[in-house]
Amino acid sequence: MVVAADLYRAVTGGFKQETAFDTVLDWCKKRGHDWKDGKTKTKQIRLSNGERPRAYLLPPLADPESDPKFPNKARDYWLEMLRTKTDTELGVIYETKGTIKKNY
């Protein structure tokens, strides 16, 4: 799950790549999966600060080498799991991505 504005900031700031926001937006639209209704590429999520950005559903790519019998097992799990969440639950998941776990 990704918000196009955050992805744009990561590409231009963190990765130091020059690109237009429209290019990132087009990429998200082309690569994103439909949410539960099968019609929309974005879904509003609710963050703890009250913001309601639109998120694209971008699951991990299938890894056929991990289990040739079930190449899409992990990807399908994440698609189905994220599609069942409410906007608030999606916001919590989105805000916790990339945090470092201290129990290692």
PDB file of N, CA and C in Angstrom:
ATOM      1  N   MET A   1       0.851  -1.159   0.000  1.00  0.00           N
ATOM      2  CA  MET A   1       0.000   0.000   0.000  1.00  0.00           C
ATOM      3  C   MET A   1       0.901   1.226   0.000  1.00  0.00           C
ATOM      4  N   VAL A   2       0.597   2.181  -0.874  1.00  0.00           N
ATOM      5  CA  VAL A   2       1.434   3.369  -0.985  1.00  0.00           C
ATOM      6  C   VAL A   2       0.573   4.598  -1.280  1.00  0.00           C
ATOM      7  N   VAL A   3       0.986   5.725  -0.734  1.00  0.00           N
ATOM      8  CA  VAL A   3       0.391   7.017  -1.058  1.00  0.00           C
ATOM      9  C   VAL A   3       1.328   7.658  -2.072  1.00  0.00           C
ATOM     10  N   ALA A   4       0.792   8.102  -3.204  1.00  0.00           N
ATOM     11  CA  ALA A   4       1.621   8.604  -4.307  1.00  0.00           C
ATOM     12  C   ALA A   4       2.542   9.747  -3.871  1.00  0.00           C
ATOM     13  N   ALA A   5       2.070  10.639  -3.020  1.00  0.00           N
ATOM     14  CA  ALA A   5       2.904  11.769  -2.575  1.00  0.00           C
ATOM     15  C   ALA A   5       4.107  11.289  -1.769  1.00  0.00           C
ATOM     16  N   ASP A   6       3.910  10.261  -0.934  1.00  0.00           N
ATOM     17  CA  ASP A   6       5.025   9.701  -0.161  1.00  0.00           C
ATOM     18  C   ASP A   6       6.026   9.000  -1.065  1.00  0.00           C
ATOM     19  N   LEU A   7       5.531   8.283  -2.056  1.00  0.00           N
ATOM     20  CA  LEU A   7       6.413   7.619  -3.006  1.00  0.00           C
ATOM     21  C   LEU A   7       7.213   8.643  -3.805  1.00  0.00           C
ATOM     22  N   TYR A   8       6.566   9.724  -4.191  1.00  0.00           N
ATOM     23  CA  TYR A   8       7.253  10.792  -4.923  1.00  0.00           C
ATOM     24  C   TYR A   8       8.388  11.387  -4.078  1.00  0.00           C
ATOM     25  N   ARG A   9       8.096  11.646  -2.794  1.00  0.00           N
ATOM     26  CA  ARG A   9       9.134  12.188  -1.899  1.00  0.00           C
ATOM     27  C   ARG A   9      10.286  11.211  -1.733  1.00  0.00           C
ATOM     28  N   ALA A  10       9.997   9.917  -1.667  1.00  0.00           N
ATOM     29  CA  ALA A  10      11.053   8.911  -1.524  1.00  0.00           C
ATOM     30  C   ALA A  10      11.922   8.848  -2.777  1.00  0.00           C
ATOM     31  N   VAL A  11      11.293   8.909  -3.935  1.00  0.00           N
ATOM     32  CA  VAL A  11      12.043   8.820  -5.195  1.00  0.00           C
ATOM     33  C   VAL A  11      12.916  10.053  -5.398  1.00  0.00           C
ATOM     34  N   THR A  12      12.356  11.233  -5.183  1.00  0.00           N
ATOM     35  CA  THR A  12      13.104  12.473  -5.445  1.00  0.00           C
ATOM     36  C   THR A  12      14.056  12.831  -4.312  1.00  0.00           C
ATOM     37  N   GLY A  13      13.686  12.540  -3.075  1.00  0.00           N
ATOM     38  CA  GLY A  13      14.530  12.901  -1.937  1.00  0.00           C
ATOM     39  C   GLY A  13      15.514  11.815  -1.563  1.00  0.00           C
ATOM     40  N   GLY A  14      14.990  10.644  -1.237  1.00  0.00           N
ATOM     41  CA  GLY A  14      15.835   9.552  -0.777  1.00  0.00           C
ATOM     42  C   GLY A  14      16.688   8.932  -1.861  1.00  0.00           C
ATOM     43  N   PHE A  15      16.080   8.700  -3.024  1.00  0.00           N
ATOM     44  CA  PHE A  15      16.809   8.060  -4.115  1.00  0.00           C
ATOM     45  C   PHE A  15      17.452   9.059  -5.070  1.00  0.00           C
ATOM     46  N   LYS A  16      17.193  10.350  -4.839  1.00  0.00           N
ATOM     47  CA  LYS A  16      17.796  11.428  -5.634  1.00  0.00           C
ATOM     48  C   LYS A  16      17.552  11.263  -7.141  1.00  0.00           C
ATOM     49  N   GLN A  17      16.343  10.857  -7.505  1.00  0.00           N
ATOM     50  CA  GLN A  17      15.971  10.709  -8.908  1.00  0.00           C
ATOM     51  C   GLN A  17      15.083  11.879  -9.320  1.00  0.00           C
ATOM     52  N   GLU A  18      15.286  12.365 -10.511  1.00  0.00           N
ATOM     53  CA  GLU A  18      14.440  13.439 -11.024  1.00  0.00           C
ATOM     54  C   GLU A  18      13.248  12.824 -11.731  1.00  0.00           C
ATOM     55  N   THR A  19      12.076  13.245 -11.349  1.00  0.00           N
ATOM     56  CA  THR A  19      10.855  12.774 -11.973  1.00  0.00           C
ATOM     57  C   THR A  19       9.734  13.752 -11.663  1.00  0.00           C
ATOM     58  N   ALA A  20       8.676  13.648 -12.406  1.00  0.00           N
ATOM     59  CA  ALA A  20       7.498  14.479 -12.178  1.00  0.00           C
ATOM     60  C   ALA A  20       6.503  13.692 -11.321  1.00  0.00           C
ATOM     61  N   PHE A  21       5.724  14.408 -10.541  1.00  0.00           N
ATOM     62  CA  PHE A  21       4.715  13.758  -9.709  1.00  0.00           C
ATOM     63  C   PHE A  21       3.735  12.976 -10.581  1.00  0.00           C
ATOM     64  N   ASP A  22       3.403  13.522 -11.755  1.00  0.00           N
ATOM     65  CA  ASP A  22       2.476  12.839 -12.665  1.00  0.00           C
ATOM     66  C   ASP A  22       3.012  11.473 -13.098  1.00  0.00           C
ATOM     67  N   THR A  23       4.318  11.353 -13.235  1.00  0.00           N
ATOM     68  CA  THR A  23       4.929  10.076 -13.610  1.00  0.00           C
ATOM     69  C   THR A  23       4.739   9.052 -12.503  1.00  0.00           C
ATOM     70  N   VAL A  24       4.935   9.469 -11.272  1.00  0.00           N
ATOM     71  CA  VAL A  24       4.729   8.570 -10.123  1.00  0.00           C
ATOM     72  C   VAL A  24       3.258   8.181 -10.032  1.00  0.00           C
ATOM     73  N   LEU A  25       2.377   9.138 -10.231  1.00  0.00           N
ATOM     74  CA  LEU A  25       0.944   8.876 -10.187  1.00  0.00           C
ATOM     75  C   LEU A  25       0.535   7.883 -11.277  1.00  0.00           C
ATOM     76  N   ASP A  26       1.031   8.064 -12.480  1.00  0.00           N
ATOM     77  CA  ASP A  26       0.732   7.137 -13.573  1.00  0.00           C
ATOM     78  C   ASP A  26       1.253   5.733 -13.262  1.00  0.00           C
ATOM     79  N   TRP A  27       2.458   5.659 -12.673  1.00  0.00           N
ATOM     80  CA  TRP A  27       3.039   4.368 -12.315  1.00  0.00           C
ATOM     81  C   TRP A  27       2.148   3.650 -11.305  1.00  0.00           C
ATOM     82  N   CYS A  28       1.682   4.381 -10.299  1.00  0.00           N
ATOM     83  CA  CYS A  28       0.802   3.789  -9.280  1.00  0.00           C
ATOM     84  C   CYS A  28      -0.499   3.284  -9.910  1.00  0.00           C
ATOM     85  N   LYS A  29      -1.055   4.045 -10.826  1.00  0.00           N
ATOM     86  CA  LYS A  29      -2.305   3.646 -11.480  1.00  0.00           C
ATOM     87  C   LYS A  29      -2.120   2.395 -12.327  1.00  0.00           C
ATOM     88  N   LYS A  30      -0.981   2.292 -13.000  1.00  0.00           N
ATOM     89  CA  LYS A  30      -0.723   1.130 -13.859  1.00  0.00           C
ATOM     90  C   LYS A  30      -0.406  -0.122 -13.046  1.00  0.00           C
ATOM     91  N   ARG A  31       0.349   0.016 -11.969  1.00  0.00           N
ATOM     92  CA  ARG A  31       0.805  -1.138 -11.192  1.00  0.00           C
ATOM     93  C   ARG A  31      -0.143  -1.514 -10.051  1.00  0.00           C
ATOM     94  N   GLY A  32      -1.000  -0.582  -9.666  1.00  0.00           N
ATOM     95  CA  GLY A  32      -1.882  -0.836  -8.530  1.00  0.00           C
ATOM     96  C   GLY A  32      -2.987  -1.827  -8.850  1.00  0.00           C
ATOM     97  N   HIS A  33      -3.382  -2.568  -7.835  1.00  0.00           N
ATOM     98  CA  HIS A  33      -4.498  -3.506  -7.951  1.00  0.00           C
ATOM     99  C   HIS A  33      -5.774  -2.814  -7.520  1.00  0.00           C
ATOM    100  N   ASP A  34      -6.892  -3.351  -7.959  1.00  0.00           N
ATOM    101  CA  ASP A  34      -8.184  -2.803  -7.545  1.00  0.00           C
ATOM    102  C   ASP A  34      -8.447  -3.155  -6.094  1.00  0.00           C
ATOM    103  N   TRP A  35      -9.141  -2.255  -5.406  1.00  0.00           N
ATOM    104  CA  TRP A  35      -9.567  -2.542  -4.049  1.00  0.00           C
ATOM    105  C   TRP A  35     -10.763  -3.482  -4.129  1.00  0.00           C
ATOM    106  N   LYS A  36     -11.418  -3.725  -3.069  1.00  0.00           N
ATOM    107  CA  LYS A  36     -12.434  -4.766  -2.966  1.00  0.00           C
ATOM    108  C   LYS A  36     -13.542  -4.670  -4.018  1.00  0.00           C
ATOM    109  N   ASP A  37     -13.976  -3.481  -4.340  1.00  0.00           N
ATOM    110  CA  ASP A  37     -15.099  -3.345  -5.272  1.00  0.00           C
ATOM    111  C   ASP A  37     -14.723  -3.651  -6.719  1.00  0.00           C
ATOM    112  N   GLY A  38     -13.436  -3.749  -6.999  1.00  0.00           N
ATOM    113  CA  GLY A  38     -12.991  -4.070  -8.348  1.00  0.00           C
ATOM    114  C   GLY A  38     -13.067  -2.927  -9.337  1.00  0.00           C
ATOM    115  N   LYS A  39     -13.402  -1.734  -8.858  1.00  0.00           N
ATOM    116  CA  LYS A  39     -13.559  -0.597  -9.762  1.00  0.00           C
ATOM    117  C   LYS A  39     -12.567   0.522  -9.507  1.00  0.00           C
ATOM    118  N   THR A  40     -12.081   0.647  -8.287  1.00  0.00           N
ATOM    119  CA  THR A  40     -11.221   1.776  -7.946  1.00  0.00           C
ATOM    120  C   THR A  40      -9.792   1.336  -7.684  1.00  0.00           C
ATOM    121  N   LYS A  41      -8.859   2.182  -8.085  1.00  0.00           N
ATOM    122  CA  LYS A  41      -7.438   1.933  -7.856  1.00  0.00           C
ATOM    123  C   LYS A  41      -6.960   2.573  -6.562  1.00  0.00           C
ATOM    124  N   THR A  42      -7.759   3.478  -5.985  1.00  0.00           N
ATOM    125  CA  THR A  42      -7.357   4.124  -4.739  1.00  0.00           C
ATOM    126  C   THR A  42      -8.442   3.945  -3.681  1.00  0.00           C
ATOM    127  N   LYS A  43      -7.991   4.087  -2.441  1.00  0.00           N
ATOM    128  CA  LYS A  43      -8.921   4.037  -1.313  1.00  0.00           C
ATOM    129  C   LYS A  43      -8.428   5.027  -0.279  1.00  0.00           C
ATOM    130  N   GLN A  44      -9.345   5.783   0.292  1.00  0.00           N
ATOM    131  CA  GLN A  44      -8.962   6.720   1.338  1.00  0.00           C
ATOM    132  C   GLN A  44      -8.664   5.959   2.617  1.00  0.00           C
ATOM    133  N   ILE A  45      -7.536   6.315   3.231  1.00  0.00           N
ATOM    134  CA  ILE A  45      -7.191   5.738   4.527  1.00  0.00           C
ATOM    135  C   ILE A  45      -7.230   6.862   5.555  1.00  0.00           C
ATOM    136  N   ARG A  46      -7.399   6.496   6.808  1.00  0.00           N
ATOM    137  CA  ARG A  46      -7.484   7.504   7.878  1.00  0.00           C
ATOM    138  C   ARG A  46      -6.248   7.387   8.765  1.00  0.00           C
ATOM    139  N   LEU A  47      -5.448   8.462   8.781  1.00  0.00           N
ATOM    140  CA  LEU A  47      -4.249   8.494   9.622  1.00  0.00           C
ATOM    141  C   LEU A  47      -4.596   9.024  11.010  1.00  0.00           C
ATOM    142  N   SER A  48      -3.716   8.800  11.978  1.00  0.00           N
ATOM    143  CA  SER A  48      -3.983   9.206  13.362  1.00  0.00           C
ATOM    144  C   SER A  48      -4.083  10.715  13.522  1.00  0.00           C
ATOM    145  N   ASN A  49      -3.469  11.491  12.622  1.00  0.00           N
ATOM    146  CA  ASN A  49      -3.549  12.952  12.713  1.00  0.00           C
ATOM    147  C   ASN A  49      -4.779  13.516  12.003  1.00  0.00           C
ATOM    148  N   GLY A  50      -5.669  12.637  11.508  1.00  0.00           N
ATOM    149  CA  GLY A  50      -6.896  13.067  10.855  1.00  0.00           C
ATOM    150  C   GLY A  50      -6.800  13.189   9.335  1.00  0.00           C
ATOM    151  N   GLU A  51      -5.599  13.118   8.806  1.00  0.00           N
ATOM    152  CA  GLU A  51      -5.447  13.190   7.349  1.00  0.00           C
ATOM    153  C   GLU A  51      -6.085  11.968   6.711  1.00  0.00           C
ATOM    154  N   ARG A  52      -6.554  12.154   5.467  1.00  0.00           N
ATOM    155  CA  ARG A  52      -7.199  11.066   4.730  1.00  0.00           C
ATOM    156  C   ARG A  52      -6.630  10.976   3.311  1.00  0.00           C
ATOM    157  N   PRO A  53      -5.379  10.513   3.187  1.00  0.00           N
ATOM    158  CA  PRO A  53      -4.791  10.394   1.850  1.00  0.00           C
ATOM    159  C   PRO A  53      -5.365   9.193   1.102  1.00  0.00           C
ATOM    160  N   ARG A  54      -5.200   9.207  -0.199  1.00  0.00           N
ATOM    161  CA  ARG A  54      -5.621   8.078  -1.031  1.00  0.00           C
ATOM    162  C   ARG A  54      -4.443   7.140  -1.225  1.00  0.00           C
ATOM    163  N   ALA A  55      -4.686   5.863  -1.000  1.00  0.00           N
ATOM    164  CA  ALA A  55      -3.625   4.857  -1.083  1.00  0.00           C
ATOM    165  C   ALA A  55      -3.874   3.925  -2.267  1.00  0.00           C
ATOM    166  N   TYR A  56      -2.777   3.507  -2.875  1.00  0.00           N
ATOM    167  CA  TYR A  56      -2.805   2.517  -3.947  1.00  0.00           C
ATOM    168  C   TYR A  56      -2.412   1.171  -3.364  1.00  0.00           C
ATOM    169  N   LEU A  57      -2.974   0.118  -3.886  1.00  0.00           N
ATOM    170  CA  LEU A  57      -2.701  -1.234  -3.412  1.00  0.00           C
ATOM    171  C   LEU A  57      -1.631  -1.849  -4.309  1.00  0.00           C
ATOM    172  N   LEU A  58      -0.404  -1.918  -3.800  1.00  0.00           N
ATOM    173  CA  LEU A  58       0.727  -2.464  -4.550  1.00  0.00           C
ATOM    174  C   LEU A  58       1.298  -3.660  -3.790  1.00  0.00           C
ATOM    175  N   PRO A  59       0.830  -4.868  -4.095  1.00  0.00           N
ATOM    176  CA  PRO A  59       1.319  -6.043  -3.364  1.00  0.00           C
ATOM    177  C   PRO A  59       2.720  -6.431  -3.801  1.00  0.00           C
ATOM    178  N   PRO A  60       3.394  -7.256  -2.999  1.00  0.00           N
ATOM    179  CA  PRO A  60       4.716  -7.729  -3.405  1.00  0.00           C
ATOM    180  C   PRO A  60       4.594  -8.593  -4.649  1.00  0.00           C
ATOM    181  N   LEU A  61       5.666  -8.637  -5.426  1.00  0.00           N
ATOM    182  CA  LEU A  61       5.681  -9.487  -6.604  1.00  0.00           C
ATOM    183  C   LEU A  61       5.734 -10.951  -6.195  1.00  0.00           C
ATOM    184  N   ALA A  62       5.194 -11.801  -7.031  1.00  0.00           N
ATOM    185  CA  ALA A  62       5.250 -13.232  -6.762  1.00  0.00           C
ATOM    186  C   ALA A  62       6.691 -13.713  -6.873  1.00  0.00           C
ATOM    187  N   ASP A  63       7.061 -14.644  -6.015  1.00  0.00           N
ATOM    188  CA  ASP A  63       8.403 -15.221  -6.041  1.00  0.00           C
ATOM    189  C   ASP A  63       8.279 -16.705  -6.364  1.00  0.00           C
ATOM    190  N   PRO A  64       8.342 -17.077  -7.650  1.00  0.00           N
ATOM    191  CA  PRO A  64       8.142 -18.479  -8.025  1.00  0.00           C
ATOM    192  C   PRO A  64       9.214 -19.412  -7.486  1.00  0.00           C
ATOM    193  N   GLU A  65      10.375 -18.897  -7.109  1.00  0.00           N
ATOM    194  CA  GLU A  65      11.437 -19.756  -6.586  1.00  0.00           C
ATOM    195  C   GLU A  65      11.176 -20.177  -5.146  1.00  0.00           C
ATOM    196  N   SER A  66      10.380 -19.397  -4.407  1.00  0.00           N
ATOM    197  CA  SER A  66      10.136 -19.738  -3.010  1.00  0.00           C
ATOM    198  C   SER A  66       9.303 -21.012  -2.889  1.00  0.00           C
ATOM    199  N   ASP A  67       8.291 -21.174  -3.681  1.00  0.00           N
ATOM    200  CA  ASP A  67       7.474 -22.379  -3.686  1.00  0.00           C
ATOM    201  C   ASP A  67       6.816 -22.489  -5.054  1.00  0.00           C
ATOM    202  N   PRO A  68       7.369 -23.289  -5.951  1.00  0.00           N
ATOM    203  CA  PRO A  68       6.848 -23.363  -7.318  1.00  0.00           C
ATOM    204  C   PRO A  68       5.381 -23.765  -7.403  1.00  0.00           C
ATOM    205  N   LYS A  69       4.881 -24.495  -6.385  1.00  0.00           N
ATOM    206  CA  LYS A  69       3.474 -24.893  -6.417  1.00  0.00           C
ATOM    207  C   LYS A  69       2.536 -23.726  -6.119  1.00  0.00           C
ATOM    208  N   PHE A  70       3.001 -22.768  -5.304  1.00  0.00           N
ATOM    209  CA  PHE A  70       2.165 -21.645  -4.884  1.00  0.00           C
ATOM    210  C   PHE A  70       2.910 -20.327  -5.068  1.00  0.00           C
ATOM    211  N   PRO A  71       3.184 -19.911  -6.305  1.00  0.00           N
ATOM    212  CA  PRO A  71       3.999 -18.709  -6.519  1.00  0.00           C
ATOM    213  C   PRO A  71       3.341 -17.415  -6.042  1.00  0.00           C
ATOM    214  N   ASN A  72       2.038 -17.378  -5.959  1.00  0.00           N
ATOM    215  CA  ASN A  72       1.356 -16.141  -5.584  1.00  0.00           C
ATOM    216  C   ASN A  72       0.766 -16.193  -4.175  1.00  0.00           C
ATOM    217  N   LYS A  73       1.154 -17.168  -3.383  1.00  0.00           N
ATOM    218  CA  LYS A  73       0.545 -17.361  -2.069  1.00  0.00           C
ATOM    219  C   LYS A  73       0.685 -16.127  -1.165  1.00  0.00           C
ATOM    220  N   ALA A  74       1.889 -15.602  -1.005  1.00  0.00           N
ATOM    221  CA  ALA A  74       2.095 -14.436  -0.141  1.00  0.00           C
ATOM    222  C   ALA A  74       1.405 -13.205  -0.715  1.00  0.00           C
ATOM    223  N   ARG A  75       1.533 -13.022  -2.006  1.00  0.00           N
ATOM    224  CA  ARG A  75       0.910 -11.865  -2.656  1.00  0.00           C
ATOM    225  C   ARG A  75      -0.609 -11.900  -2.493  1.00  0.00           C
ATOM    226  N   ASP A  76      -1.206 -13.051  -2.737  1.00  0.00           N
ATOM    227  CA  ASP A  76      -2.656 -13.181  -2.598  1.00  0.00           C
ATOM    228  C   ASP A  76      -3.103 -12.968  -1.157  1.00  0.00           C
ATOM    229  N   TYR A  77      -2.299 -13.438  -0.209  1.00  0.00           N
ATOM    230  CA  TYR A  77      -2.615 -13.229   1.207  1.00  0.00           C
ATOM    231  C   TYR A  77      -2.686 -11.737   1.520  1.00  0.00           C
ATOM    232  N   TRP A  78      -1.662 -10.974   1.091  1.00  0.00           N
ATOM    233  CA  TRP A  78      -1.634  -9.543   1.394  1.00  0.00           C
ATOM    234  C   TRP A  78      -2.754  -8.796   0.681  1.00  0.00           C
ATOM    235  N   LEU A  79      -3.034  -9.158  -0.546  1.00  0.00           N
ATOM    236  CA  LEU A  79      -4.146  -8.515  -1.255  1.00  0.00           C
ATOM    237  C   LEU A  79      -5.450  -8.717  -0.497  1.00  0.00           C
ATOM    238  N   GLU A  80      -5.740  -9.950  -0.150  1.00  0.00           N
ATOM    239  CA  GLU A  80      -6.992 -10.244   0.530  1.00  0.00           C
ATOM    240  C   GLU A  80      -7.049  -9.609   1.915  1.00  0.00           C
ATOM    241  N   MET A  81      -5.931  -9.662   2.660  1.00  0.00           N
ATOM    242  CA  MET A  81      -5.897  -9.093   4.003  1.00  0.00           C
ATOM    243  C   MET A  81      -6.131  -7.584   3.966  1.00  0.00           C
ATOM    244  N   LEU A  82      -5.448  -6.875   3.075  1.00  0.00           N
ATOM    245  CA  LEU A  82      -5.595  -5.423   3.013  1.00  0.00           C
ATOM    246  C   LEU A  82      -6.976  -5.016   2.512  1.00  0.00           C
ATOM    247  N   ARG A  83      -7.542  -5.785   1.624  1.00  0.00           N
ATOM    248  CA  ARG A  83      -8.874  -5.456   1.094  1.00  0.00           C
ATOM    249  C   ARG A  83      -9.957  -5.563   2.151  1.00  0.00           C
ATOM    250  N   THR A  84      -9.749  -6.344   3.199  1.00  0.00           N
ATOM    251  CA  THR A  84     -10.772  -6.530   4.223  1.00  0.00           C
ATOM    252  C   THR A  84     -10.696  -5.484   5.338  1.00  0.00           C
ATOM    253  N   LYS A  85      -9.657  -4.667   5.360  1.00  0.00           N
ATOM    254  CA  LYS A  85      -9.456  -3.699   6.440  1.00  0.00           C
ATOM    255  C   LYS A  85     -10.288  -2.431   6.238  1.00  0.00           C
ATOM    256  N   THR A  86     -10.630  -1.798   7.362  1.00  0.00           N
ATOM    257  CA  THR A  86     -11.327  -0.513   7.314  1.00  0.00           C
ATOM    258  C   THR A  86     -10.320   0.598   7.019  1.00  0.00           C
ATOM    259  N   ASP A  87     -10.820   1.796   6.755  1.00  0.00           N
ATOM    260  CA  ASP A  87      -9.913   2.917   6.470  1.00  0.00           C
ATOM    261  C   ASP A  87      -9.017   3.238   7.662  1.00  0.00           C
ATOM    262  N   THR A  88      -9.527   3.096   8.884  1.00  0.00           N
ATOM    263  CA  THR A  88      -8.717   3.346  10.076  1.00  0.00           C
ATOM    264  C   THR A  88      -7.664   2.265  10.261  1.00  0.00           C
ATOM    265  N   GLU A  89      -8.032   1.005  10.054  1.00  0.00           N
ATOM    266  CA  GLU A  89      -7.067  -0.089  10.167  1.00  0.00           C
ATOM    267  C   GLU A  89      -5.956   0.050   9.122  1.00  0.00           C
ATOM    268  N   LEU A  90      -6.319   0.459   7.923  1.00  0.00           N
ATOM    269  CA  LEU A  90      -5.320   0.691   6.883  1.00  0.00           C
ATOM    270  C   LEU A  90      -4.381   1.825   7.268  1.00  0.00           C
ATOM    271  N   GLY A  91      -4.924   2.860   7.917  1.00  0.00           N
ATOM    272  CA  GLY A  91      -4.096   3.965   8.380  1.00  0.00           C
ATOM    273  C   GLY A  91      -3.068   3.524   9.410  1.00  0.00           C
ATOM    274  N   VAL A  92      -3.481   2.662  10.328  1.00  0.00           N
ATOM    275  CA  VAL A  92      -2.556   2.136  11.342  1.00  0.00           C
ATOM    276  C   VAL A  92      -1.453   1.320  10.673  1.00  0.00           C
ATOM    277  N   ILE A  93      -1.823   0.473   9.730  1.00  0.00           N
ATOM    278  CA  ILE A  93      -0.831  -0.328   9.009  1.00  0.00           C
ATOM    279  C   ILE A  93       0.119   0.582   8.251  1.00  0.00           C
ATOM    280  N   TYR A  94      -0.415   1.591   7.606  1.00  0.00           N
ATOM    281  CA  TYR A  94       0.413   2.505   6.814  1.00  0.00           C
ATOM    282  C   TYR A  94       1.396   3.275   7.691  1.00  0.00           C
ATOM    283  N   GLU A  95       0.926   3.709   8.853  1.00  0.00           N
ATOM    284  CA  GLU A  95       1.795   4.488   9.745  1.00  0.00           C
ATOM    285  C   GLU A  95       2.875   3.635  10.407  1.00  0.00           C
ATOM    286  N   THR A  96       2.673   2.349  10.531  1.00  0.00           N
ATOM    287  CA  THR A  96       3.671   1.505  11.166  1.00  0.00           C
ATOM    288  C   THR A  96       4.673   0.919  10.184  1.00  0.00           C
ATOM    289  N   LYS A  97       4.462   1.103   8.901  1.00  0.00           N
ATOM    290  CA  LYS A  97       5.411   0.544   7.924  1.00  0.00           C
ATOM    291  C   LYS A  97       6.750   1.246   8.056  1.00  0.00           C
ATOM    292  N   GLY A  98       7.795   0.484   7.957  1.00  0.00           N
ATOM    293  CA  GLY A  98       9.125   1.047   8.006  1.00  0.00           C
ATOM    294  C   GLY A  98       9.652   1.368   9.384  1.00  0.00           C
ATOM    295  N   THR A  99       8.884   1.075  10.426  1.00  0.00           N
ATOM    296  CA  THR A  99       9.403   1.329  11.778  1.00  0.00           C
ATOM    297  C   THR A  99      10.337   0.190  12.157  1.00  0.00           C
ATOM    298  N   ILE A 100      11.343   0.506  12.918  1.00  0.00           N
ATOM    299  CA  ILE A 100      12.336  -0.481  13.322  1.00  0.00           C
ATOM    300  C   ILE A 100      11.862  -1.168  14.596  1.00  0.00           C
ATOM    301  N   LYS A 101      11.852  -2.477  14.564  1.00  0.00           N
ATOM    302  CA  LYS A 101      11.455  -3.232  15.745  1.00  0.00           C
ATOM    303  C   LYS A 101      12.678  -3.435  16.632  1.00  0.00           C
ATOM    304  N   LYS A 102      12.560  -3.117  17.919  1.00  0.00           N
ATOM    305  CA  LYS A 102      13.686  -3.173  18.835  1.00  0.00           C
ATOM    306  C   LYS A 102      13.933  -4.581  19.373  1.00  0.00           C
ATOM    307  N   ASN A 103      13.024  -5.513  19.135  1.00  0.00           N
ATOM    308  CA  ASN A 103      13.170  -6.877  19.646  1.00  0.00           C
ATOM    309  C   ASN A 103      13.892  -7.757  18.633  1.00  0.00           C
ATOM    310  N   TYR A 104      15.164  -7.545  18.473  1.00  0.00           N
ATOM    311  CA  TYR A 104      15.921  -8.387  17.541  1.00  0.00           C
ATOM    312  C   TYR A 104      17.068  -9.076  18.215  1.00  0.00           C
TER     313      TYR A 104
END
